[in-house]
Amino acid sequence: MNFALMIWLYGFKVLFQPNLNIYLILRPGHFYGKSAQLGNKMLLAGIYYHFLRFLQVRICRLGTSIESLSKRLEIAEKLRSNAMYFYSVRESIS
């Protein structure tokens, strides 16, 4: 079964069984760029994360490193981070 589909199914299950908690742990990594294509991809990811949040999936992003971003990527990262249950950066400069 597709991993994304499993997250959705368990998310729907939580809607009917509120005593369950589903976590999606995002891998650590480096995030930077200025391309419009990357900005669009990150905006779609933000919308997807908010959908998962609606399903009560707790999204945790650990050890992220963020460098200079274009305005579009700044907006996308803000949208994505608002959907997170837990959000941490790798170093203080991020």
PDB file of N, CA and C in Angstrom:
ATOM      1  N   MET A   1       0.845  -1.180   0.000  1.00  0.00           N
ATOM      2  CA  MET A   1       0.000   0.000   0.000  1.00  0.00           C
ATOM      3  C   MET A   1       0.893   1.247   0.000  1.00  0.00           C
ATOM      4  N   ASN A   2       0.490   2.273  -0.709  1.00  0.00           N
ATOM      5  CA  ASN A   2       1.205   3.533  -0.799  1.00  0.00           C
ATOM      6  C   ASN A   2       1.282   4.202   0.584  1.00  0.00           C
ATOM      7  N   PHE A   3       2.469   4.709   0.944  1.00  0.00           N
ATOM      8  CA  PHE A   3       2.669   5.315   2.261  1.00  0.00           C
ATOM      9  C   PHE A   3       1.742   6.507   2.488  1.00  0.00           C
ATOM     10  N   ALA A   4       1.607   7.390   1.492  1.00  0.00           N
ATOM     11  CA  ALA A   4       0.730   8.561   1.633  1.00  0.00           C
ATOM     12  C   ALA A   4      -0.710   8.129   1.878  1.00  0.00           C
ATOM     13  N   LEU A   5      -1.147   7.102   1.195  1.00  0.00           N
ATOM     14  CA  LEU A   5      -2.501   6.591   1.384  1.00  0.00           C
ATOM     15  C   LEU A   5      -2.684   6.034   2.801  1.00  0.00           C
ATOM     16  N   MET A   6      -1.660   5.367   3.307  1.00  0.00           N
ATOM     17  CA  MET A   6      -1.728   4.846   4.678  1.00  0.00           C
ATOM     18  C   MET A   6      -1.883   5.985   5.680  1.00  0.00           C
ATOM     19  N   ILE A   7      -1.150   7.083   5.484  1.00  0.00           N
ATOM     20  CA  ILE A   7      -1.262   8.240   6.386  1.00  0.00           C
ATOM     21  C   ILE A   7      -2.686   8.778   6.347  1.00  0.00           C
ATOM     22  N   TRP A   8      -3.269   8.894   5.163  1.00  0.00           N
ATOM     23  CA  TRP A   8      -4.655   9.374   5.036  1.00  0.00           C
ATOM     24  C   TRP A   8      -5.616   8.442   5.756  1.00  0.00           C
ATOM     25  N   LEU A   9      -5.473   7.146   5.532  1.00  0.00           N
ATOM     26  CA  LEU A   9      -6.388   6.183   6.154  1.00  0.00           C
ATOM     27  C   LEU A   9      -6.306   6.229   7.674  1.00  0.00           C
ATOM     28  N   TYR A  10      -5.088   6.281   8.200  1.00  0.00           N
ATOM     29  CA  TYR A  10      -4.943   6.387   9.650  1.00  0.00           C
ATOM     30  C   TYR A  10      -5.444   7.736  10.157  1.00  0.00           C
ATOM     31  N   GLY A  11      -5.275   8.768   9.361  1.00  0.00           N
ATOM     32  CA  GLY A  11      -5.811  10.081   9.720  1.00  0.00           C
ATOM     33  C   GLY A  11      -7.330  10.051   9.833  1.00  0.00           C
ATOM     34  N   PHE A  12      -7.991   9.424   8.873  1.00  0.00           N
ATOM     35  CA  PHE A  12      -9.450   9.285   8.937  1.00  0.00           C
ATOM     36  C   PHE A  12      -9.864   8.448  10.145  1.00  0.00           C
ATOM     37  N   LYS A  13      -9.060   7.450  10.463  1.00  0.00           N
ATOM     38  CA  LYS A  13      -9.353   6.608  11.621  1.00  0.00           C
ATOM     39  C   LYS A  13      -9.332   7.432  12.908  1.00  0.00           C
ATOM     40  N   VAL A  14      -8.392   8.371  13.007  1.00  0.00           N
ATOM     41  CA  VAL A  14      -8.286   9.224  14.193  1.00  0.00           C
ATOM     42  C   VAL A  14      -9.522  10.110  14.340  1.00  0.00           C
ATOM     43  N   LEU A  15     -10.116  10.526  13.224  1.00  0.00           N
ATOM     44  CA  LEU A  15     -11.324  11.349  13.300  1.00  0.00           C
ATOM     45  C   LEU A  15     -12.441  10.627  14.047  1.00  0.00           C
ATOM     46  N   PHE A  16     -12.475   9.303  13.957  1.00  0.00           N
ATOM     47  CA  PHE A  16     -13.530   8.520  14.594  1.00  0.00           C
ATOM     48  C   PHE A  16     -13.085   7.847  15.887  1.00  0.00           C
ATOM     49  N   GLN A  17     -11.782   7.854  16.134  1.00  0.00           N
ATOM     50  CA  GLN A  17     -11.231   7.306  17.377  1.00  0.00           C
ATOM     51  C   GLN A  17     -10.243   8.317  17.944  1.00  0.00           C
ATOM     52  N   PRO A  18     -10.729   9.364  18.612  1.00  0.00           N
ATOM     53  CA  PRO A  18      -9.865  10.472  19.034  1.00  0.00           C
ATOM     54  C   PRO A  18      -8.790  10.106  20.056  1.00  0.00           C
ATOM     55  N   ASN A  19      -8.835   8.904  20.606  1.00  0.00           N
ATOM     56  CA  ASN A  19      -7.800   8.514  21.562  1.00  0.00           C
ATOM     57  C   ASN A  19      -6.512   8.067  20.871  1.00  0.00           C
ATOM     58  N   LEU A  20      -6.507   8.009  19.535  1.00  0.00           N
ATOM     59  CA  LEU A  20      -5.311   7.638  18.771  1.00  0.00           C
ATOM     60  C   LEU A  20      -4.523   8.884  18.373  1.00  0.00           C
ATOM     61  N   ASN A  21      -3.223   8.722  18.232  1.00  0.00           N
ATOM     62  CA  ASN A  21      -2.361   9.788  17.713  1.00  0.00           C
ATOM     63  C   ASN A  21      -1.555   9.228  16.558  1.00  0.00           C
ATOM     64  N   ILE A  22      -1.555   9.939  15.448  1.00  0.00           N
ATOM     65  CA  ILE A  22      -0.767   9.555  14.280  1.00  0.00           C
ATOM     66  C   ILE A  22       0.282  10.645  14.057  1.00  0.00           C
ATOM     67  N   TYR A  23       1.533  10.247  13.938  1.00  0.00           N
ATOM     68  CA  TYR A  23       2.636  11.181  13.726  1.00  0.00           C
ATOM     69  C   TYR A  23       3.273  10.914  12.369  1.00  0.00           C
ATOM     70  N   LEU A  24       3.613  11.988  11.690  1.00  0.00           N
ATOM     71  CA  LEU A  24       4.408  11.914  10.470  1.00  0.00           C
ATOM     72  C   LEU A  24       5.699  12.659  10.762  1.00  0.00           C
ATOM     73  N   ILE A  25       6.805  11.951  10.801  1.00  0.00           N
ATOM     74  CA  ILE A  25       8.108  12.551  11.099  1.00  0.00           C
ATOM     75  C   ILE A  25       8.811  12.816   9.775  1.00  0.00           C
ATOM     76  N   LEU A  26       9.092  14.085   9.510  1.00  0.00           N
ATOM     77  CA  LEU A  26       9.794  14.461   8.285  1.00  0.00           C
ATOM     78  C   LEU A  26      11.294  14.361   8.511  1.00  0.00           C
ATOM     79  N   ARG A  27      11.986  13.931   7.510  1.00  0.00           N
ATOM     80  CA  ARG A  27      13.434  13.756   7.639  1.00  0.00           C
ATOM     81  C   ARG A  27      14.135  15.107   7.746  1.00  0.00           C
ATOM     82  N   PRO A  28      15.252  15.140   8.444  1.00  0.00           N
ATOM     83  CA  PRO A  28      16.031  16.378   8.513  1.00  0.00           C
ATOM     84  C   PRO A  28      16.645  16.677   7.157  1.00  0.00           C
ATOM     85  N   GLY A  29      16.969  17.920   6.959  1.00  0.00           N
ATOM     86  CA  GLY A  29      17.595  18.254   5.694  1.00  0.00           C
ATOM     87  C   GLY A  29      17.793  19.735   5.494  1.00  0.00           C
ATOM     88  N   HIS A  30      18.359  20.041   4.366  1.00  0.00           N
ATOM     89  CA  HIS A  30      18.734  21.380   3.975  1.00  0.00           C
ATOM     90  C   HIS A  30      17.633  21.933   3.078  1.00  0.00           C
ATOM     91  N   PHE A  31      17.223  23.156   3.293  1.00  0.00           N
ATOM     92  CA  PHE A  31      16.148  23.756   2.516  1.00  0.00           C
ATOM     93  C   PHE A  31      16.581  25.139   2.056  1.00  0.00           C
ATOM     94  N   TYR A  32      16.718  25.332   0.760  1.00  0.00           N
ATOM     95  CA  TYR A  32      17.110  26.625   0.205  1.00  0.00           C
ATOM     96  C   TYR A  32      16.709  26.670  -1.257  1.00  0.00           C
ATOM     97  N   GLY A  33      16.761  27.843  -1.852  1.00  0.00           N
ATOM     98  CA  GLY A  33      16.506  27.949  -3.273  1.00  0.00           C
ATOM     99  C   GLY A  33      15.758  29.203  -3.662  1.00  0.00           C
ATOM    100  N   LYS A  34      15.658  29.420  -4.956  1.00  0.00           N
ATOM    101  CA  LYS A  34      14.976  30.587  -5.473  1.00  0.00           C
ATOM    102  C   LYS A  34      14.125  30.281  -6.699  1.00  0.00           C
ATOM    103  N   SER A  35      14.029  29.013  -7.102  1.00  0.00           N
ATOM    104  CA  SER A  35      13.303  28.688  -8.327  1.00  0.00           C
ATOM    105  C   SER A  35      11.792  28.709  -8.097  1.00  0.00           C
ATOM    106  N   ALA A  36      11.060  29.126  -9.128  1.00  0.00           N
ATOM    107  CA  ALA A  36       9.596  29.170  -9.058  1.00  0.00           C
ATOM    108  C   ALA A  36       9.031  27.757  -8.958  1.00  0.00           C
ATOM    109  N   GLN A  37       9.655  26.802  -9.633  1.00  0.00           N
ATOM    110  CA  GLN A  37       9.180  25.419  -9.599  1.00  0.00           C
ATOM    111  C   GLN A  37       9.250  24.862  -8.179  1.00  0.00           C
ATOM    112  N   LEU A  38      10.347  25.122  -7.476  1.00  0.00           N
ATOM    113  CA  LEU A  38      10.478  24.677  -6.095  1.00  0.00           C
ATOM    114  C   LEU A  38       9.450  25.386  -5.216  1.00  0.00           C
ATOM    115  N   GLY A  39       9.225  26.671  -5.474  1.00  0.00           N
ATOM    116  CA  GLY A  39       8.219  27.417  -4.716  1.00  0.00           C
ATOM    117  C   GLY A  39       6.833  26.820  -4.871  1.00  0.00           C
ATOM    118  N   ASN A  40       6.470  26.469  -6.088  1.00  0.00           N
ATOM    119  CA  ASN A  40       5.169  25.849  -6.334  1.00  0.00           C
ATOM    120  C   ASN A  40       5.054  24.495  -5.632  1.00  0.00           C
ATOM    121  N   LYS A  41       6.125  23.722  -5.693  1.00  0.00           N
ATOM    122  CA  LYS A  41       6.142  22.411  -5.044  1.00  0.00           C
ATOM    123  C   LYS A  41       5.969  22.558  -3.533  1.00  0.00           C
ATOM    124  N   MET A  42       6.639  23.534  -2.951  1.00  0.00           N
ATOM    125  CA  MET A  42       6.543  23.744  -1.511  1.00  0.00           C
ATOM    126  C   MET A  42       5.171  24.284  -1.103  1.00  0.00           C
ATOM    127  N   LEU A  43       4.554  25.116  -1.951  1.00  0.00           N
ATOM    128  CA  LEU A  43       3.196  25.590  -1.674  1.00  0.00           C
ATOM    129  C   LEU A  43       2.210  24.422  -1.671  1.00  0.00           C
ATOM    130  N   LEU A  44       2.347  23.527  -2.639  1.00  0.00           N
ATOM    131  CA  LEU A  44       1.494  22.332  -2.667  1.00  0.00           C
ATOM    132  C   LEU A  44       1.725  21.451  -1.444  1.00  0.00           C
ATOM    133  N   ALA A  45       2.981  21.353  -1.021  1.00  0.00           N
ATOM    134  CA  ALA A  45       3.285  20.577   0.185  1.00  0.00           C
ATOM    135  C   ALA A  45       2.614  21.212   1.399  1.00  0.00           C
ATOM    136  N   GLY A  46       2.592  22.542   1.460  1.00  0.00           N
ATOM    137  CA  GLY A  46       1.930  23.236   2.562  1.00  0.00           C
ATOM    138  C   GLY A  46       0.441  22.943   2.606  1.00  0.00           C
ATOM    139  N   ILE A  47      -0.188  22.933   1.453  1.00  0.00           N
ATOM    140  CA  ILE A  47      -1.619  22.610   1.376  1.00  0.00           C
ATOM    141  C   ILE A  47      -1.841  21.164   1.812  1.00  0.00           C
ATOM    142  N   TYR A  48      -0.986  20.271   1.355  1.00  0.00           N
ATOM    143  CA  TYR A  48      -1.073  18.855   1.734  1.00  0.00           C
ATOM    144  C   TYR A  48      -0.920  18.688   3.245  1.00  0.00           C
ATOM    145  N   TYR A  49       0.050  19.381   3.848  1.00  0.00           N
ATOM    146  CA  TYR A  49       0.266  19.280   5.293  1.00  0.00           C
ATOM    147  C   TYR A  49      -0.948  19.795   6.068  1.00  0.00           C
ATOM    148  N   HIS A  50      -1.586  20.846   5.556  1.00  0.00           N
ATOM    149  CA  HIS A  50      -2.789  21.347   6.234  1.00  0.00           C
ATOM    150  C   HIS A  50      -3.931  20.340   6.116  1.00  0.00           C
ATOM    151  N   PHE A  51      -4.018  19.634   5.014  1.00  0.00           N
ATOM    152  CA  PHE A  51      -5.008  18.565   4.878  1.00  0.00           C
ATOM    153  C   PHE A  51      -4.743  17.477   5.919  1.00  0.00           C
ATOM    154  N   LEU A  52      -3.477  17.093   6.070  1.00  0.00           N
ATOM    155  CA  LEU A  52      -3.131  16.092   7.077  1.00  0.00           C
ATOM    156  C   LEU A  52      -3.433  16.600   8.477  1.00  0.00           C
ATOM    157  N   ARG A  53      -3.181  17.872   8.706  1.00  0.00           N
ATOM    158  CA  ARG A  53      -3.488  18.454  10.018  1.00  0.00           C
ATOM    159  C   ARG A  53      -4.990  18.373  10.296  1.00  0.00           C
ATOM    160  N   PHE A  54      -5.812  18.623   9.272  1.00  0.00           N
ATOM    161  CA  PHE A  54      -7.257  18.487   9.410  1.00  0.00           C
ATOM    162  C   PHE A  54      -7.628  17.068   9.832  1.00  0.00           C
ATOM    163  N   LEU A  55      -6.886  16.090   9.329  1.00  0.00           N
ATOM    164  CA  LEU A  55      -7.114  14.683   9.681  1.00  0.00           C
ATOM    165  C   LEU A  55      -6.497  14.319  11.033  1.00  0.00           C
ATOM    166  N   GLN A  56      -5.993  15.303  11.752  1.00  0.00           N
ATOM    167  CA  GLN A  56      -5.389  15.111  13.075  1.00  0.00           C
ATOM    168  C   GLN A  56      -4.053  14.379  13.041  1.00  0.00           C
ATOM    169  N   VAL A  57      -3.377  14.380  11.884  1.00  0.00           N
ATOM    170  CA  VAL A  57      -2.029  13.818  11.805  1.00  0.00           C
ATOM    171  C   VAL A  57      -1.072  14.870  12.354  1.00  0.00           C
ATOM    172  N   ARG A  58      -0.231  14.457  13.278  1.00  0.00           N
ATOM    173  CA  ARG A  58       0.743  15.372  13.885  1.00  0.00           C
ATOM    174  C   ARG A  58       2.042  15.295  13.091  1.00  0.00           C
ATOM    175  N   ILE A  59       2.377  16.389  12.438  1.00  0.00           N
ATOM    176  CA  ILE A  59       3.556  16.427  11.581  1.00  0.00           C
ATOM    177  C   ILE A  59       4.708  17.042  12.364  1.00  0.00           C
ATOM    178  N   CYS A  60       5.821  16.341  12.407  1.00  0.00           N
ATOM    179  CA  CYS A  60       7.006  16.801  13.134  1.00  0.00           C
ATOM    180  C   CYS A  60       8.156  16.961  12.144  1.00  0.00           C
ATOM    181  N   ARG A  61       8.745  18.130  12.172  1.00  0.00           N
ATOM    182  CA  ARG A  61       9.897  18.402  11.301  1.00  0.00           C
ATOM    183  C   ARG A  61      11.090  18.674  12.198  1.00  0.00           C
ATOM    184  N   LEU A  62      12.089  17.834  12.117  1.00  0.00           N
ATOM    185  CA  LEU A  62      13.234  17.892  13.018  1.00  0.00           C
ATOM    186  C   LEU A  62      14.516  18.172  12.246  1.00  0.00           C
ATOM    187  N   GLY A  63      15.371  18.999  12.819  1.00  0.00           N
ATOM    188  CA  GLY A  63      16.703  19.210  12.273  1.00  0.00           C
ATOM    189  C   GLY A  63      16.755  19.815  10.891  1.00  0.00           C
ATOM    190  N   THR A  64      15.920  20.810  10.646  1.00  0.00           N
ATOM    191  CA  THR A  64      15.888  21.452   9.339  1.00  0.00           C
ATOM    192  C   THR A  64      16.886  22.603   9.305  1.00  0.00           C
ATOM    193  N   SER A  65      17.545  22.769   8.201  1.00  0.00           N
ATOM    194  CA  SER A  65      18.452  23.889   7.984  1.00  0.00           C
ATOM    195  C   SER A  65      17.884  24.749   6.858  1.00  0.00           C
ATOM    196  N   ILE A  66      17.645  26.022   7.128  1.00  0.00           N
ATOM    197  CA  ILE A  66      17.026  26.921   6.156  1.00  0.00           C
ATOM    198  C   ILE A  66      17.998  28.054   5.837  1.00  0.00           C
ATOM    199  N   GLU A  67      18.243  28.259   4.544  1.00  0.00           N
ATOM    200  CA  GLU A  67      19.105  29.361   4.111  1.00  0.00           C
ATOM    201  C   GLU A  67      18.281  30.366   3.336  1.00  0.00           C
ATOM    202  N   SER A  68      18.940  31.256   2.618  1.00  0.00           N
ATOM    203  CA  SER A  68      18.246  32.333   1.912  1.00  0.00           C
ATOM    204  C   SER A  68      17.194  31.774   0.953  1.00  0.00           C
ATOM    205  N   LEU A  69      15.989  32.343   1.053  1.00  0.00           N
ATOM    206  CA  LEU A  69      14.855  31.887   0.263  1.00  0.00           C
ATOM    207  C   LEU A  69      14.290  33.029  -0.555  1.00  0.00           C
ATOM    208  N   SER A  70      13.687  32.697  -1.671  1.00  0.00           N
ATOM    209  CA  SER A  70      12.960  33.700  -2.441  1.00  0.00           C
ATOM    210  C   SER A  70      11.689  34.050  -1.675  1.00  0.00           C
ATOM    211  N   LYS A  71      11.016  35.115  -2.068  1.00  0.00           N
ATOM    212  CA  LYS A  71       9.783  35.526  -1.389  1.00  0.00           C
ATOM    213  C   LYS A  71       8.735  34.412  -1.458  1.00  0.00           C
ATOM    214  N   ARG A  72       8.608  33.760  -2.611  1.00  0.00           N
ATOM    215  CA  ARG A  72       7.647  32.669  -2.773  1.00  0.00           C
ATOM    216  C   ARG A  72       7.962  31.520  -1.820  1.00  0.00           C
ATOM    217  N   LEU A  73       9.248  31.170  -1.689  1.00  0.00           N
ATOM    218  CA  LEU A  73       9.630  30.088  -0.787  1.00  0.00           C
ATOM    219  C   LEU A  73       9.450  30.479   0.677  1.00  0.00           C
ATOM    220  N   GLU A  74       9.635  31.759   0.995  1.00  0.00           N
ATOM    221  CA  GLU A  74       9.364  32.213   2.360  1.00  0.00           C
ATOM    222  C   GLU A  74       7.892  32.015   2.709  1.00  0.00           C
ATOM    223  N   ILE A  75       7.021  32.391   1.784  1.00  0.00           N
ATOM    224  CA  ILE A  75       5.574  32.210   1.997  1.00  0.00           C
ATOM    225  C   ILE A  75       5.242  30.726   2.120  1.00  0.00           C
ATOM    226  N   ALA A  76       5.830  29.916   1.253  1.00  0.00           N
ATOM    227  CA  ALA A  76       5.582  28.471   1.278  1.00  0.00           C
ATOM    228  C   ALA A  76       6.046  27.861   2.596  1.00  0.00           C
ATOM    229  N   GLU A  77       7.215  28.263   3.066  1.00  0.00           N
ATOM    230  CA  GLU A  77       7.737  27.716   4.320  1.00  0.00           C
ATOM    231  C   GLU A  77       6.869  28.155   5.502  1.00  0.00           C
ATOM    232  N   LYS A  78       6.379  29.372   5.467  1.00  0.00           N
ATOM    233  CA  LYS A  78       5.473  29.844   6.523  1.00  0.00           C
ATOM    234  C   LYS A  78       4.195  29.002   6.525  1.00  0.00           C
ATOM    235  N   LEU A  79       3.646  28.739   5.347  1.00  0.00           N
ATOM    236  CA  LEU A  79       2.446  27.912   5.231  1.00  0.00           C
ATOM    237  C   LEU A  79       2.712  26.505   5.756  1.00  0.00           C
ATOM    238  N   ARG A  80       3.818  25.941   5.350  1.00  0.00           N
ATOM    239  CA  ARG A  80       4.170  24.589   5.801  1.00  0.00           C
ATOM    240  C   ARG A  80       4.377  24.540   7.306  1.00  0.00           C
ATOM    241  N   SER A  81       5.089  25.511   7.850  1.00  0.00           N
ATOM    242  CA  SER A  81       5.397  25.477   9.277  1.00  0.00           C
ATOM    243  C   SER A  81       4.150  25.660  10.142  1.00  0.00           C
ATOM    244  N   ASN A  82       3.145  26.371   9.638  1.00  0.00           N
ATOM    245  CA  ASN A  82       1.907  26.544  10.399  1.00  0.00           C
ATOM    246  C   ASN A  82       1.149  25.234  10.578  1.00  0.00           C
ATOM    247  N   ALA A  83       1.394  24.272   9.717  1.00  0.00           N
ATOM    248  CA  ALA A  83       0.713  22.976   9.810  1.00  0.00           C
ATOM    249  C   ALA A  83       1.438  22.002  10.728  1.00  0.00           C
ATOM    250  N   MET A  84       2.626  22.359  11.178  1.00  0.00           N
ATOM    251  CA  MET A  84       3.450  21.435  11.955  1.00  0.00           C
ATOM    252  C   MET A  84       3.007  21.354  13.415  1.00  0.00           C
ATOM    253  N   TYR A  85       3.076  20.163  13.951  1.00  0.00           N
ATOM    254  CA  TYR A  85       2.851  19.931  15.373  1.00  0.00           C
ATOM    255  C   TYR A  85       4.120  20.286  16.147  1.00  0.00           C
ATOM    256  N   PHE A  86       5.269  19.941  15.562  1.00  0.00           N
ATOM    257  CA  PHE A  86       6.575  20.256  16.152  1.00  0.00           C
ATOM    258  C   PHE A  86       7.520  20.625  15.018  1.00  0.00           C
ATOM    259  N   TYR A  87       8.286  21.691  15.224  1.00  0.00           N
ATOM    260  CA  TYR A  87       9.163  22.218  14.185  1.00  0.00           C
ATOM    261  C   TYR A  87      10.461  22.643  14.840  1.00  0.00           C
ATOM    262  N   SER A  88      11.571  22.087  14.407  1.00  0.00           N
ATOM    263  CA  SER A  88      12.857  22.501  14.976  1.00  0.00           C
ATOM    264  C   SER A  88      13.879  22.675  13.862  1.00  0.00           C
ATOM    265  N   VAL A  89      14.770  23.614  14.070  1.00  0.00           N
ATOM    266  CA  VAL A  89      15.828  23.865  13.099  1.00  0.00           C
ATOM    267  C   VAL A  89      17.133  23.271  13.619  1.00  0.00           C
ATOM    268  N   ARG A  90      18.052  23.084  12.712  1.00  0.00           N
ATOM    269  CA  ARG A  90      19.321  22.426  13.043  1.00  0.00           C
ATOM    270  C   ARG A  90      20.257  23.342  13.817  1.00  0.00           C
ATOM    271  N   GLU A  91      20.342  24.602  13.401  1.00  0.00           N
ATOM    272  CA  GLU A  91      21.269  25.523  14.053  1.00  0.00           C
ATOM    273  C   GLU A  91      20.580  26.887  14.211  1.00  0.00           C
ATOM    274  N   SER A  92      21.132  27.727  15.074  1.00  0.00           N
ATOM    275  CA  SER A  92      20.473  28.999  15.406  1.00  0.00           C
ATOM    276  C   SER A  92      20.385  29.953  14.215  1.00  0.00           C
ATOM    277  N   ILE A  93      21.267  29.824  13.239  1.00  0.00           N
ATOM    278  CA  ILE A  93      21.219  30.718  12.069  1.00  0.00           C
ATOM    279  C   ILE A  93      19.976  30.485  11.227  1.00  0.00           C
ATOM    280  N   SER A  94      19.423  29.286  11.263  1.00  0.00           N
ATOM    281  CA  SER A  94      18.202  28.982  10.510  1.00  0.00           C
ATOM    282  C   SER A  94      17.009  29.600  11.192  1.00  0.00           C
TER     283      SER A  94
END
